[in-house]
Amino acid sequence: MLQTFAISSSLSLSKIFGGSYTPTSGTILYDVWTVTIAQVGPILPYLLLVLVLIFRPTGLFGTRDT
């Protein structure tokens, strides 16, 4: 669901913050600033997996007590 929502969205950081800050063109910050959520959508499941492994290394349900 997260990936489908991201691909259907056309928001970017510049649209979210209303254009209150605009980095200079041609810099790395400008490239990151203009990336849309739809462009990041395909890697979102992998980012979510990494976050789960960082915060819950034993899994979502933990280990079984014997």
PDB file of N, CA and C in Angstrom:
ATOM      1  N   MET A   1       0.826  -1.186   0.000  1.00  0.00           N
ATOM      2  CA  MET A   1       0.000   0.000   0.000  1.00  0.00           C
ATOM      3  C   MET A   1       0.872   1.251   0.000  1.00  0.00           C
ATOM      4  N   LEU A   2       1.975   1.205   0.746  1.00  0.00           N
ATOM      5  CA  LEU A   2       2.860   2.363   0.821  1.00  0.00           C
ATOM      6  C   LEU A   2       3.448   2.689  -0.545  1.00  0.00           C
ATOM      7  N   GLN A   3       3.886   1.670  -1.264  1.00  0.00           N
ATOM      8  CA  GLN A   3       4.472   1.884  -2.584  1.00  0.00           C
ATOM      9  C   GLN A   3       3.422   2.393  -3.574  1.00  0.00           C
ATOM     10  N   THR A   4       2.239   1.853  -3.537  1.00  0.00           N
ATOM     11  CA  THR A   4       1.177   2.295  -4.448  1.00  0.00           C
ATOM     12  C   THR A   4       0.796   3.743  -4.181  1.00  0.00           C
ATOM     13  N   PHE A   5       0.702   4.122  -2.916  1.00  0.00           N
ATOM     14  CA  PHE A   5       0.409   5.515  -2.582  1.00  0.00           C
ATOM     15  C   PHE A   5       1.529   6.429  -3.053  1.00  0.00           C
ATOM     16  N   ALA A   6       2.768   5.999  -2.870  1.00  0.00           N
ATOM     17  CA  ALA A   6       3.900   6.838  -3.253  1.00  0.00           C
ATOM     18  C   ALA A   6       3.955   7.044  -4.761  1.00  0.00           C
ATOM     19  N   ILE A   7       3.674   5.996  -5.523  1.00  0.00           N
ATOM     20  CA  ILE A   7       3.739   6.120  -6.979  1.00  0.00           C
ATOM     21  C   ILE A   7       2.620   7.009  -7.504  1.00  0.00           C
ATOM     22  N   SER A   8       1.483   6.998  -6.850  1.00  0.00           N
ATOM     23  CA  SER A   8       0.369   7.832  -7.312  1.00  0.00           C
ATOM     24  C   SER A   8       0.498   9.284  -6.856  1.00  0.00           C
ATOM     25  N   SER A   9       1.454   9.566  -6.021  1.00  0.00           N
ATOM     26  CA  SER A   9       1.641  10.917  -5.503  1.00  0.00           C
ATOM     27  C   SER A   9       2.684  11.668  -6.327  1.00  0.00           C
ATOM     28  N   SER A  10       2.506  12.948  -6.474  1.00  0.00           N
ATOM     29  CA  SER A  10       3.469  13.759  -7.221  1.00  0.00           C
ATOM     30  C   SER A  10       4.085  14.849  -6.346  1.00  0.00           C
ATOM     31  N   LEU A  11       4.137  14.613  -5.060  1.00  0.00           N
ATOM     32  CA  LEU A  11       4.699  15.601  -4.145  1.00  0.00           C
ATOM     33  C   LEU A  11       6.223  15.530  -4.141  1.00  0.00           C
ATOM     34  N   SER A  12       6.849  16.641  -3.855  1.00  0.00           N
ATOM     35  CA  SER A  12       8.285  16.701  -3.640  1.00  0.00           C
ATOM     36  C   SER A  12       8.518  17.553  -2.400  1.00  0.00           C
ATOM     37  N   LEU A  13       9.759  17.587  -1.933  1.00  0.00           N
ATOM     38  CA  LEU A  13      10.051  18.399  -0.746  1.00  0.00           C
ATOM     39  C   LEU A  13       9.732  19.868  -0.990  1.00  0.00           C
ATOM     40  N   SER A  14       9.992  20.342  -2.198  1.00  0.00           N
ATOM     41  CA  SER A  14       9.716  21.753  -2.483  1.00  0.00           C
ATOM     42  C   SER A  14       8.221  22.052  -2.439  1.00  0.00           C
ATOM     43  N   LYS A  15       7.376  21.096  -2.856  1.00  0.00           N
ATOM     44  CA  LYS A  15       5.926  21.309  -2.790  1.00  0.00           C
ATOM     45  C   LYS A  15       5.403  21.165  -1.365  1.00  0.00           C
ATOM     46  N   ILE A  16       6.010  20.261  -0.591  1.00  0.00           N
ATOM     47  CA  ILE A  16       5.563  20.051   0.784  1.00  0.00           C
ATOM     48  C   ILE A  16       5.821  21.284   1.632  1.00  0.00           C
ATOM     49  N   PHE A  17       7.004  21.877   1.482  1.00  0.00           N
ATOM     50  CA  PHE A  17       7.345  23.047   2.285  1.00  0.00           C
ATOM     51  C   PHE A  17       6.934  24.360   1.640  1.00  0.00           C
ATOM     52  N   GLY A  18       6.223  24.297   0.549  1.00  0.00           N
ATOM     53  CA  GLY A  18       5.642  25.492  -0.046  1.00  0.00           C
ATOM     54  C   GLY A  18       6.617  26.418  -0.728  1.00  0.00           C
ATOM     55  N   GLY A  19       7.779  25.946  -1.082  1.00  0.00           N
ATOM     56  CA  GLY A  19       8.738  26.789  -1.782  1.00  0.00           C
ATOM     57  C   GLY A  19       9.353  27.864  -0.920  1.00  0.00           C
ATOM     58  N   SER A  20       9.341  27.677   0.403  1.00  0.00           N
ATOM     59  CA  SER A  20       9.913  28.688   1.281  1.00  0.00           C
ATOM     60  C   SER A  20      11.432  28.733   1.185  1.00  0.00           C
ATOM     61  N   TYR A  21      12.035  27.640   0.724  1.00  0.00           N
ATOM     62  CA  TYR A  21      13.486  27.588   0.544  1.00  0.00           C
ATOM     63  C   TYR A  21      13.760  26.971  -0.814  1.00  0.00           C
ATOM     64  N   THR A  22      14.622  27.598  -1.590  1.00  0.00           N
ATOM     65  CA  THR A  22      14.984  27.065  -2.903  1.00  0.00           C
ATOM     66  C   THR A  22      16.496  27.046  -3.021  1.00  0.00           C
ATOM     67  N   PRO A  23      17.112  25.841  -3.037  1.00  0.00           N
ATOM     68  CA  PRO A  23      18.563  25.776  -3.213  1.00  0.00           C
ATOM     69  C   PRO A  23      18.946  26.154  -4.642  1.00  0.00           C
ATOM     70  N   THR A  24      20.206  26.483  -4.838  1.00  0.00           N
ATOM     71  CA  THR A  24      20.659  26.887  -6.162  1.00  0.00           C
ATOM     72  C   THR A  24      20.667  25.701  -7.111  1.00  0.00           C
ATOM     73  N   SER A  25      20.361  25.965  -8.353  1.00  0.00           N
ATOM     74  CA  SER A  25      20.280  24.927  -9.374  1.00  0.00           C
ATOM     75  C   SER A  25      21.665  24.357  -9.671  1.00  0.00           C
ATOM     76  N   GLY A  26      21.715  23.044  -9.903  1.00  0.00           N
ATOM     77  CA  GLY A  26      22.976  22.391 -10.232  1.00  0.00           C
ATOM     78  C   GLY A  26      23.696  21.787  -9.044  1.00  0.00           C
ATOM     79  N   THR A  27      23.175  21.964  -7.838  1.00  0.00           N
ATOM     80  CA  THR A  27      23.805  21.383  -6.652  1.00  0.00           C
ATOM     81  C   THR A  27      23.107  20.088  -6.280  1.00  0.00           C
ATOM     82  N   ILE A  28      23.763  19.300  -5.440  1.00  0.00           N
ATOM     83  CA  ILE A  28      23.181  18.032  -5.003  1.00  0.00           C
ATOM     84  C   ILE A  28      21.914  18.284  -4.186  1.00  0.00           C
ATOM     85  N   LEU A  29      21.922  19.319  -3.358  1.00  0.00           N
ATOM     86  CA  LEU A  29      20.747  19.635  -2.549  1.00  0.00           C
ATOM     87  C   LEU A  29      19.551  19.980  -3.435  1.00  0.00           C
ATOM     88  N   TYR A  30      19.791  20.637  -4.543  1.00  0.00           N
ATOM     89  CA  TYR A  30      18.701  20.962  -5.467  1.00  0.00           C
ATOM     90  C   TYR A  30      18.114  19.687  -6.069  1.00  0.00           C
ATOM     91  N   ASP A  31      18.985  18.722  -6.401  1.00  0.00           N
ATOM     92  CA  ASP A  31      18.501  17.461  -6.966  1.00  0.00           C
ATOM     93  C   ASP A  31      17.646  16.702  -5.958  1.00  0.00           C
ATOM     94  N   VAL A  32      18.060  16.662  -4.706  1.00  0.00           N
ATOM     95  CA  VAL A  32      17.278  15.994  -3.663  1.00  0.00           C
ATOM     96  C   VAL A  32      15.985  16.756  -3.408  1.00  0.00           C
ATOM     97  N   TRP A  33      16.041  18.059  -3.465  1.00  0.00           N
ATOM     98  CA  TRP A  33      14.888  18.916  -3.192  1.00  0.00           C
ATOM     99  C   TRP A  33      13.788  18.720  -4.213  1.00  0.00           C
ATOM    100  N   THR A  34      14.150  18.360  -5.453  1.00  0.00           N
ATOM    101  CA  THR A  34      13.160  18.245  -6.517  1.00  0.00           C
ATOM    102  C   THR A  34      12.736  16.806  -6.800  1.00  0.00           C
ATOM    103  N   VAL A  35      13.268  15.825  -6.099  1.00  0.00           N
ATOM    104  CA  VAL A  35      12.866  14.427  -6.292  1.00  0.00           C
ATOM    105  C   VAL A  35      11.439  14.248  -5.782  1.00  0.00           C
ATOM    106  N   THR A  36      10.604  13.616  -6.589  1.00  0.00           N
ATOM    107  CA  THR A  36       9.223  13.393  -6.175  1.00  0.00           C
ATOM    108  C   THR A  36       9.107  12.071  -5.421  1.00  0.00           C
ATOM    109  N   ILE A  37       8.027  11.927  -4.688  1.00  0.00           N
ATOM    110  CA  ILE A  37       7.786  10.694  -3.942  1.00  0.00           C
ATOM    111  C   ILE A  37       7.580   9.530  -4.904  1.00  0.00           C
ATOM    112  N   ALA A  38       7.021   9.797  -6.083  1.00  0.00           N
ATOM    113  CA  ALA A  38       6.820   8.744  -7.081  1.00  0.00           C
ATOM    114  C   ALA A  38       8.152   8.173  -7.569  1.00  0.00           C
ATOM    115  N   GLN A  39       9.187   9.002  -7.609  1.00  0.00           N
ATOM    116  CA  GLN A  39      10.501   8.519  -8.029  1.00  0.00           C
ATOM    117  C   GLN A  39      11.154   7.667  -6.952  1.00  0.00           C
ATOM    118  N   VAL A  40      10.820   7.895  -5.695  1.00  0.00           N
ATOM    119  CA  VAL A  40      11.386   7.141  -4.585  1.00  0.00           C
ATOM    120  C   VAL A  40      10.531   5.915  -4.261  1.00  0.00           C
ATOM    121  N   GLY A  41       9.328   5.850  -4.800  1.00  0.00           N
ATOM    122  CA  GLY A  41       8.371   4.785  -4.511  1.00  0.00           C
ATOM    123  C   GLY A  41       8.891   3.368  -4.624  1.00  0.00           C
ATOM    124  N   PRO A  42       9.616   3.016  -5.681  1.00  0.00           N
ATOM    125  CA  PRO A  42      10.073   1.631  -5.811  1.00  0.00           C
ATOM    126  C   PRO A  42      11.047   1.166  -4.722  1.00  0.00           C
ATOM    127  N   ILE A  43      11.743   2.083  -4.060  1.00  0.00           N
ATOM    128  CA  ILE A  43      12.680   1.648  -3.016  1.00  0.00           C
ATOM    129  C   ILE A  43      12.084   1.739  -1.612  1.00  0.00           C
ATOM    130  N   LEU A  44      10.856   2.229  -1.488  1.00  0.00           N
ATOM    131  CA  LEU A  44      10.231   2.357  -0.169  1.00  0.00           C
ATOM    132  C   LEU A  44      10.070   1.028   0.571  1.00  0.00           C
ATOM    133  N   PRO A  45       9.683  -0.078  -0.073  1.00  0.00           N
ATOM    134  CA  PRO A  45       9.594  -1.341   0.678  1.00  0.00           C
ATOM    135  C   PRO A  45      10.942  -1.773   1.271  1.00  0.00           C
ATOM    136  N   TYR A  46      12.011  -1.527   0.538  1.00  0.00           N
ATOM    137  CA  TYR A  46      13.336  -1.891   1.040  1.00  0.00           C
ATOM    138  C   TYR A  46      13.764  -0.984   2.193  1.00  0.00           C
ATOM    139  N   LEU A  47      13.428   0.304   2.098  1.00  0.00           N
ATOM    140  CA  LEU A  47      13.723   1.218   3.204  1.00  0.00           C
ATOM    141  C   LEU A  47      12.935   0.839   4.453  1.00  0.00           C
ATOM    142  N   LEU A  48      11.691   0.431   4.266  1.00  0.00           N
ATOM    143  CA  LEU A  48      10.869  -0.014   5.391  1.00  0.00           C
ATOM    144  C   LEU A  48      11.455  -1.271   6.021  1.00  0.00           C
ATOM    145  N   LEU A  49      11.940  -2.196   5.190  1.00  0.00           N
ATOM    146  CA  LEU A  49      12.579  -3.412   5.691  1.00  0.00           C
ATOM    147  C   LEU A  49      13.823  -3.084   6.505  1.00  0.00           C
ATOM    148  N   VAL A  50      14.634  -2.168   6.037  1.00  0.00           N
ATOM    149  CA  VAL A  50      15.840  -1.766   6.767  1.00  0.00           C
ATOM    150  C   VAL A  50      15.474  -1.123   8.096  1.00  0.00           C
ATOM    151  N   LEU A  51      14.446  -0.280   8.112  1.00  0.00           N
ATOM    152  CA  LEU A  51      14.019   0.350   9.363  1.00  0.00           C
ATOM    153  C   LEU A  51      13.525  -0.681  10.367  1.00  0.00           C
ATOM    154  N   VAL A  52      12.783  -1.679   9.908  1.00  0.00           N
ATOM    155  CA  VAL A  52      12.309  -2.732  10.810  1.00  0.00           C
ATOM    156  C   VAL A  52      13.501  -3.505  11.368  1.00  0.00           C
ATOM    157  N   LEU A  53      14.470  -3.813  10.528  1.00  0.00           N
ATOM    158  CA  LEU A  53      15.641  -4.555  11.001  1.00  0.00           C
ATOM    159  C   LEU A  53      16.508  -3.741  11.953  1.00  0.00           C
ATOM    160  N   ILE A  54      16.507  -2.429  11.789  1.00  0.00           N
ATOM    161  CA  ILE A  54      17.279  -1.581  12.707  1.00  0.00           C
ATOM    162  C   ILE A  54      16.609  -1.521  14.076  1.00  0.00           C
ATOM    163  N   PHE A  55      15.303  -1.287  14.087  1.00  0.00           N
ATOM    164  CA  PHE A  55      14.605  -1.090  15.352  1.00  0.00           C
ATOM    165  C   PHE A  55      14.103  -2.377  15.986  1.00  0.00           C
ATOM    166  N   ARG A  56      13.878  -3.429  15.204  1.00  0.00           N
ATOM    167  CA  ARG A  56      13.418  -4.714  15.725  1.00  0.00           C
ATOM    168  C   ARG A  56      14.251  -5.838  15.111  1.00  0.00           C
ATOM    169  N   PRO A  57      15.516  -5.983  15.494  1.00  0.00           N
ATOM    170  CA  PRO A  57      16.373  -6.986  14.856  1.00  0.00           C
ATOM    171  C   PRO A  57      15.911  -8.425  15.092  1.00  0.00           C
ATOM    172  N   THR A  58      15.106  -8.685  16.102  1.00  0.00           N
ATOM    173  CA  THR A  58      14.610 -10.038  16.336  1.00  0.00           C
ATOM    174  C   THR A  58      13.312 -10.302  15.574  1.00  0.00           C
ATOM    175  N   GLY A  59      12.835  -9.340  14.815  1.00  0.00           N
ATOM    176  CA  GLY A  59      11.601  -9.498  14.049  1.00  0.00           C
ATOM    177  C   GLY A  59      10.464  -8.729  14.692  1.00  0.00           C
ATOM    178  N   LEU A  60       9.341  -8.746  14.037  1.00  0.00           N
ATOM    179  CA  LEU A  60       8.185  -7.995  14.550  1.00  0.00           C
ATOM    180  C   LEU A  60       7.605  -8.626  15.803  1.00  0.00           C
ATOM    181  N   PHE A  61       7.676  -9.963  15.898  1.00  0.00           N
ATOM    182  CA  PHE A  61       7.080 -10.651  17.026  1.00  0.00           C
ATOM    183  C   PHE A  61       8.101 -11.092  18.066  1.00  0.00           C
ATOM    184  N   GLY A  62       9.389 -10.853  17.837  1.00  0.00           N
ATOM    185  CA  GLY A  62      10.414 -11.238  18.801  1.00  0.00           C
ATOM    186  C   GLY A  62      10.751 -12.712  18.711  1.00  0.00           C
ATOM    187  N   THR A  63      11.400 -13.216  19.757  1.00  0.00           N
ATOM    188  CA  THR A  63      11.792 -14.630  19.754  1.00  0.00           C
ATOM    189  C   THR A  63      10.828 -15.430  20.598  1.00  0.00           C
ATOM    190  N   ARG A  64      10.790 -16.732  20.341  1.00  0.00           N
ATOM    191  CA  ARG A  64       9.900 -17.628  21.079  1.00  0.00           C
ATOM    192  C   ARG A  64      10.594 -18.049  22.374  1.00  0.00           C
ATOM    193  N   ASP A  65       9.894 -17.922  23.469  1.00  0.00           N
ATOM    194  CA  ASP A  65      10.415 -18.386  24.764  1.00  0.00           C
ATOM    195  C   ASP A  65      10.119 -19.868  24.910  1.00  0.00           C
ATOM    196  N   THR A  66      11.127 -20.662  25.293  1.00  0.00           N
ATOM    197  CA  THR A  66      10.905 -22.099  25.470  1.00  0.00           C
ATOM    198  C   THR A  66      11.009 -22.486  26.916  1.00  0.00           C
TER     199      THR A  66
END
